[in-house]
Structure formats: C-alpha cells, structure tokens
Amino acid sequence: MGDYSVLFVCTANRIRSPMAAVFWRAYVTDHYPDDRWEIGSAGTWAQDGLPAMPLAVRILAEHELSFQRHRSRLIDRALVDHYRLIVVMERGHQEALRIEFPHAASRIFLLSELSGPAYDIVDPVGGGPDEYRRTAEELRRLLVAGADRLRTLAHNPPSRPLSR
C-alpha cells in the first residue's frame, strides 16, 4: 500500500466513484507528485466486471482523462480493510457501510463533508450529457475544495468517528 490510500464508493461503481478516482489521481499527480498513492473505487450494489457507463467515459474524455479500462467491483471487507480512507457519495452509502463494517466506521466519509456541509451527490444514471457533466464538475470541485483534508485522512485516518 502507498503512504496514502483512498477508496471512492458509489452504488454501481460505473459513474461517480470511478470518476472521482480518475479526477483524484490526476489531481495528486499534479499537486502531490512525491506522494505514493493507492486510489480505488467500488460500489455498494455493484456487479463485478462491468465497464464504466459510456456517457461517463465520454464526459471524462472532455477533461482529457480516461477510464476506458475500468471494471466495476462490489465493495467487500478486503477492500474496506485495505484502504485507509473510504469516501462515499451518499448518506445511504455511508450508513450501509458503517453498519456492514463497523470496525471501519471512523474511516468512512461523504465526499461533500470533506470541504463543507454534508449532502448527497446525485447519481446521473438515466440522464443525458448535461447531467453527467454537472456530476463530473461537482466531483472535481469537491475534490479540489477538500483536497487537504482528503490527503490528511488518507494518510492518518481517525481511529474513532469524528463528532459533528
């Protein structure tokens, strides 16, 4: 494992979490080039082995980023135990993972709460290119705004849940 590790989690692991992983990988390459990172993604209801949604691939290509080789995977205990920080998209993901993996509850955060008030990032599935673009921009904005906190937690996560 690298000095820093983060697992991004959404529902099917075909849009939001792999997009966040790609955006974060590009960000740390530019801003923290000396850090050794392990960055992954998974889904709470994912079917293993599916590619990213075509519109998500297209929207990331507009940012000159790619996740053509991405394949979805279902979150499991091995993944939870492997990564220092788990960043989710919705309160429901956070609640489900904290119930299923109580030993990791202190390491599970909403992406939005890393830079401000906690809220859910809407899944654009079923929407058109504009919805996917909005989601991509929201993910990118939240990652940049929460970069310092994400980096700190990915290196040294709390051992017990933080009080709100």
C-alpha atoms as a PDB file:
ATOM      1  CA  MET A   1       0.000   0.000   0.000  1.00  0.00           C
ATOM      2  CA  GLY A   2       1.134   3.554  -0.666  1.00  0.00           C
ATOM      3  CA  ASP A   3       1.650   6.149   2.024  1.00  0.00           C
ATOM      4  CA  TYR A   4      -1.834   7.416   1.168  1.00  0.00           C
ATOM      5  CA  SER A   5      -4.860   5.363   0.184  1.00  0.00           C
ATOM      6  CA  VAL A   6      -8.463   6.164  -0.653  1.00  0.00           C
ATOM      7  CA  LEU A   7     -11.356   4.087  -1.929  1.00  0.00           C
ATOM      8  CA  PHE A   8     -14.200   6.007  -3.602  1.00  0.00           C
ATOM      9  CA  VAL A   9     -17.602   4.327  -3.319  1.00  0.00           C
ATOM     10  CA  CYS A  10     -20.935   4.856  -5.073  1.00  0.00           C
ATOM     11  CA  THR A  11     -23.789   2.489  -5.919  1.00  0.00           C
ATOM     12  CA  ALA A  12     -22.905   0.584  -9.105  1.00  0.00           C
ATOM     13  CA  ASN A  13     -19.262   1.717  -9.451  1.00  0.00           C
ATOM     14  CA  ARG A  14     -19.837   2.785 -13.049  1.00  0.00           C
ATOM     15  CA  ILE A  15     -20.099   6.597 -12.837  1.00  0.00           C
ATOM     16  CA  ARG A  16     -19.445   8.634  -9.675  1.00  0.00           C
ATOM     17  CA  SER A  17     -16.822   6.643  -7.786  1.00  0.00           C
ATOM     18  CA  PRO A  18     -14.650   5.783 -10.795  1.00  0.00           C
ATOM     19  CA  MET A  19     -14.938   9.410 -11.992  1.00  0.00           C
ATOM     20  CA  ALA A  20     -13.845  10.623  -8.558  1.00  0.00           C
ATOM     21  CA  ALA A  21     -10.914   8.180  -8.592  1.00  0.00           C
ATOM     22  CA  VAL A  22      -9.769   9.394 -12.018  1.00  0.00           C
ATOM     23  CA  PHE A  23     -10.117  13.068 -11.054  1.00  0.00           C
ATOM     24  CA  TRP A  24      -8.278  12.475  -7.772  1.00  0.00           C
ATOM     25  CA  ARG A  25      -5.466  10.542  -9.476  1.00  0.00           C
ATOM     26  CA  ALA A  26      -4.959  13.448 -11.896  1.00  0.00           C
ATOM     27  CA  TYR A  27      -5.065  15.957  -9.026  1.00  0.00           C
ATOM     28  CA  VAL A  28      -2.489  14.205  -6.856  1.00  0.00           C
ATOM     29  CA  THR A  29      -0.200  13.673  -9.844  1.00  0.00           C
ATOM     30  CA  ASP A  30      -0.175  17.443 -10.360  1.00  0.00           C
ATOM     31  CA  HIS A  31      -0.243  18.645  -6.743  1.00  0.00           C
ATOM     32  CA  TYR A  32       1.470  15.935  -4.693  1.00  0.00           C
ATOM     33  CA  PRO A  33       3.907  14.326  -7.155  1.00  0.00           C
ATOM     34  CA  ASP A  34       6.106  12.896  -4.398  1.00  0.00           C
ATOM     35  CA  ASP A  35       3.254  11.143  -2.566  1.00  0.00           C
ATOM     36  CA  ARG A  36       2.765   7.414  -3.065  1.00  0.00           C
ATOM     37  CA  TRP A  37      -0.978   6.912  -3.545  1.00  0.00           C
ATOM     38  CA  GLU A  38      -3.243   3.927  -3.888  1.00  0.00           C
ATOM     39  CA  ILE A  39      -6.603   5.029  -5.318  1.00  0.00           C
ATOM     40  CA  GLY A  40      -9.512   2.697  -5.995  1.00  0.00           C
ATOM     41  CA  SER A  41     -13.256   2.590  -6.423  1.00  0.00           C
ATOM     42  CA  ALA A  42     -16.088   0.196  -5.665  1.00  0.00           C
ATOM     43  CA  GLY A  43     -19.867   0.076  -5.368  1.00  0.00           C
ATOM     44  CA  THR A  44     -22.331  -0.865  -2.651  1.00  0.00           C
ATOM     45  CA  TRP A  45     -24.595  -2.650  -5.170  1.00  0.00           C
ATOM     46  CA  ALA A  46     -22.101  -3.258  -7.953  1.00  0.00           C
ATOM     47  CA  GLN A  47     -21.981  -6.186 -10.319  1.00  0.00           C
ATOM     48  CA  ASP A  48     -18.340  -7.147 -10.782  1.00  0.00           C
ATOM     49  CA  GLY A  49     -16.695  -6.621 -14.150  1.00  0.00           C
ATOM     50  CA  LEU A  50     -18.909  -4.059 -15.900  1.00  0.00           C
ATOM     51  CA  PRO A  51     -17.350  -1.123 -17.772  1.00  0.00           C
ATOM     52  CA  ALA A  52     -17.956   2.497 -16.885  1.00  0.00           C
ATOM     53  CA  MET A  53     -21.119   3.959 -18.374  1.00  0.00           C
ATOM     54  CA  PRO A  54     -20.467   5.234 -21.922  1.00  0.00           C
ATOM     55  CA  LEU A  55     -21.597   8.793 -21.112  1.00  0.00           C
ATOM     56  CA  ALA A  56     -19.243   8.873 -18.122  1.00  0.00           C
ATOM     57  CA  VAL A  57     -16.362   7.792 -20.361  1.00  0.00           C
ATOM     58  CA  ARG A  58     -17.312  10.495 -22.873  1.00  0.00           C
ATOM     59  CA  ILE A  59     -17.524  13.245 -20.243  1.00  0.00           C
ATOM     60  CA  LEU A  60     -14.147  12.329 -18.739  1.00  0.00           C
ATOM     61  CA  ALA A  61     -12.651  12.378 -22.249  1.00  0.00           C
ATOM     62  CA  GLU A  62     -13.770  16.023 -22.430  1.00  0.00           C
ATOM     63  CA  HIS A  63     -11.404  16.575 -19.462  1.00  0.00           C
ATOM     64  CA  GLU A  64      -8.685  14.635 -21.332  1.00  0.00           C
ATOM     65  CA  LEU A  65      -8.968  11.835 -18.783  1.00  0.00           C
ATOM     66  CA  SER A  66      -9.787   8.184 -19.355  1.00  0.00           C
ATOM     67  CA  PHE A  67     -11.190   5.232 -17.523  1.00  0.00           C
ATOM     68  CA  GLN A  68     -11.823   3.010 -20.511  1.00  0.00           C
ATOM     69  CA  ARG A  69     -10.263   0.043 -18.703  1.00  0.00           C
ATOM     70  CA  HIS A  70     -12.341   0.498 -15.531  1.00  0.00           C
ATOM     71  CA  ARG A  71     -14.351  -2.524 -14.399  1.00  0.00           C
ATOM     72  CA  SER A  72     -16.885  -2.327 -11.597  1.00  0.00           C
ATOM     73  CA  ARG A  73     -16.450  -4.175  -8.339  1.00  0.00           C
ATOM     74  CA  LEU A  74     -18.553  -4.779  -5.274  1.00  0.00           C
ATOM     75  CA  ILE A  75     -17.166  -3.461  -2.012  1.00  0.00           C
ATOM     76  CA  ASP A  76     -16.179  -6.148   0.457  1.00  0.00           C
ATOM     77  CA  ARG A  77     -14.286  -6.465   3.703  1.00  0.00           C
ATOM     78  CA  ALA A  78     -10.937  -6.980   1.975  1.00  0.00           C
ATOM     79  CA  LEU A  79     -11.303  -3.626   0.189  1.00  0.00           C
ATOM     80  CA  VAL A  80     -12.503  -1.857   3.332  1.00  0.00           C
ATOM     81  CA  ASP A  81      -9.561  -3.236   5.286  1.00  0.00           C
ATOM     82  CA  HIS A  82      -7.064  -2.422   2.553  1.00  0.00           C
ATOM     83  CA  TYR A  83      -7.762   1.311   2.202  1.00  0.00           C
ATOM     84  CA  ARG A  84      -7.135   3.881   4.931  1.00  0.00           C
ATOM     85  CA  LEU A  85      -9.951   6.199   3.812  1.00  0.00           C
ATOM     86  CA  ILE A  86     -13.325   5.380   2.261  1.00  0.00           C
ATOM     87  CA  VAL A  87     -15.119   8.269   0.542  1.00  0.00           C
ATOM     88  CA  VAL A  88     -18.782   7.786  -0.391  1.00  0.00           C
ATOM     89  CA  MET A  89     -21.239   9.774  -2.495  1.00  0.00           C
ATOM     90  CA  GLU A  90     -24.455   9.493  -0.459  1.00  0.00           C
ATOM     91  CA  ARG A  91     -25.536   9.289   3.170  1.00  0.00           C
ATOM     92  CA  GLY A  92     -27.140   5.916   2.373  1.00  0.00           C
ATOM     93  CA  HIS A  93     -23.757   4.546   1.278  1.00  0.00           C
ATOM     94  CA  GLN A  94     -22.154   5.840   4.459  1.00  0.00           C
ATOM     95  CA  GLU A  95     -24.865   4.387   6.683  1.00  0.00           C
ATOM     96  CA  ALA A  96     -24.844   0.992   4.942  1.00  0.00           C
ATOM     97  CA  LEU A  97     -21.064   0.684   5.086  1.00  0.00           C
ATOM     98  CA  ARG A  98     -20.879   1.765   8.726  1.00  0.00           C
ATOM     99  CA  ILE A  99     -23.438  -0.915   9.586  1.00  0.00           C
ATOM    100  CA  GLU A 100     -21.783  -3.633   7.495  1.00  0.00           C
ATOM    101  CA  PHE A 101     -18.222  -2.714   8.508  1.00  0.00           C
ATOM    102  CA  PRO A 102     -18.485  -1.150  11.997  1.00  0.00           C
ATOM    103  CA  HIS A 103     -14.756  -1.574  12.587  1.00  0.00           C
ATOM    104  CA  ALA A 104     -14.152   0.941   9.752  1.00  0.00           C
ATOM    105  CA  ALA A 105     -16.900   3.461  10.640  1.00  0.00           C
ATOM    106  CA  SER A 106     -14.393   6.172  11.576  1.00  0.00           C
ATOM    107  CA  ARG A 107     -12.772   5.992   8.123  1.00  0.00           C
ATOM    108  CA  ILE A 108     -15.959   6.415   6.049  1.00  0.00           C
ATOM    109  CA  PHE A 109     -16.736   9.963   4.901  1.00  0.00           C
ATOM    110  CA  LEU A 110     -19.083  11.658   2.469  1.00  0.00           C
ATOM    111  CA  LEU A 111     -17.127  13.422  -0.253  1.00  0.00           C
ATOM    112  CA  SER A 112     -19.133  16.593   0.352  1.00  0.00           C
ATOM    113  CA  GLU A 113     -18.296  16.721   4.060  1.00  0.00           C
ATOM    114  CA  LEU A 114     -14.565  16.893   3.347  1.00  0.00           C
ATOM    115  CA  SER A 115     -14.983  20.524   2.292  1.00  0.00           C
ATOM    116  CA  GLY A 116     -18.278  21.722   3.776  1.00  0.00           C
ATOM    117  CA  PRO A 117     -21.753  20.626   4.761  1.00  0.00           C
ATOM    118  CA  ALA A 118     -22.686  17.004   4.127  1.00  0.00           C
ATOM    119  CA  TYR A 119     -25.023  16.331   1.209  1.00  0.00           C
ATOM    120  CA  ASP A 120     -25.623  13.599  -1.344  1.00  0.00           C
ATOM    121  CA  ILE A 121     -24.100  13.730  -4.824  1.00  0.00           C
ATOM    122  CA  VAL A 122     -26.908  12.827  -7.214  1.00  0.00           C
ATOM    123  CA  ASP A 123     -26.405   9.831  -9.490  1.00  0.00           C
ATOM    124  CA  PRO A 124     -26.763  10.976 -13.119  1.00  0.00           C
ATOM    125  CA  VAL A 125     -27.700   7.485 -14.365  1.00  0.00           C
ATOM    126  CA  GLY A 126     -30.561   7.723 -16.832  1.00  0.00           C
ATOM    127  CA  GLY A 127     -29.792  11.368 -17.535  1.00  0.00           C
ATOM    128  CA  GLY A 128     -28.166  12.954 -20.534  1.00  0.00           C
ATOM    129  CA  PRO A 129     -24.749  14.503 -21.115  1.00  0.00           C
ATOM    130  CA  ASP A 130     -25.633  17.665 -19.167  1.00  0.00           C
ATOM    131  CA  GLU A 131     -26.405  15.667 -16.005  1.00  0.00           C
ATOM    132  CA  TYR A 132     -23.157  13.742 -16.366  1.00  0.00           C
ATOM    133  CA  ARG A 133     -21.209  16.988 -16.901  1.00  0.00           C
ATOM    134  CA  ARG A 134     -22.785  18.523 -13.786  1.00  0.00           C
ATOM    135  CA  THR A 135     -21.846  15.458 -11.746  1.00  0.00           C
ATOM    136  CA  ALA A 136     -18.288  15.461 -13.097  1.00  0.00           C
ATOM    137  CA  GLU A 137     -17.869  19.158 -12.298  1.00  0.00           C
ATOM    138  CA  GLU A 138     -19.328  18.689  -8.824  1.00  0.00           C
ATOM    139  CA  LEU A 139     -16.952  15.805  -8.122  1.00  0.00           C
ATOM    140  CA  ARG A 140     -13.966  17.760  -9.392  1.00  0.00           C
ATOM    141  CA  ARG A 141     -14.941  20.862  -7.401  1.00  0.00           C
ATOM    142  CA  LEU A 142     -15.456  18.900  -4.174  1.00  0.00           C
ATOM    143  CA  LEU A 143     -12.161  17.045  -4.575  1.00  0.00           C
ATOM    144  CA  VAL A 144     -10.239  20.283  -5.064  1.00  0.00           C
ATOM    145  CA  ALA A 145     -12.042  22.010  -2.184  1.00  0.00           C
ATOM    146  CA  GLY A 146     -11.490  19.051   0.148  1.00  0.00           C
ATOM    147  CA  ALA A 147      -8.015  18.105  -1.092  1.00  0.00           C
ATOM    148  CA  ASP A 148      -6.084  18.974   2.058  1.00  0.00           C
ATOM    149  CA  ARG A 149      -8.495  17.143   4.343  1.00  0.00           C
ATOM    150  CA  LEU A 150      -8.741  14.150   1.998  1.00  0.00           C
ATOM    151  CA  ARG A 151      -4.937  13.912   1.836  1.00  0.00           C
ATOM    152  CA  THR A 152      -4.627  14.114   5.638  1.00  0.00           C
ATOM    153  CA  LEU A 153      -7.302  11.465   6.244  1.00  0.00           C
ATOM    154  CA  ALA A 154      -5.896   9.175   3.529  1.00  0.00           C
ATOM    155  CA  HIS A 155      -2.607   9.133   5.401  1.00  0.00           C
ATOM    156  CA  ASN A 156      -3.778   9.205   9.004  1.00  0.00           C
ATOM    157  CA  PRO A 157      -7.497   8.386   9.414  1.00  0.00           C
ATOM    158  CA  PRO A 158      -9.224   8.858  12.767  1.00  0.00           C
ATOM    159  CA  SER A 159      -9.464   5.790  14.956  1.00  0.00           C
ATOM    160  CA  ARG A 160     -12.985   6.687  16.067  1.00  0.00           C
ATOM    161  CA  PRO A 161     -15.791   8.660  14.420  1.00  0.00           C
ATOM    162  CA  LEU A 162     -15.344  12.422  14.469  1.00  0.00           C
ATOM    163  CA  SER A 163     -18.059  14.368  16.241  1.00  0.00           C
ATOM    164  CA  ARG A 164     -20.136  16.609  14.016  1.00  0.00           C
END
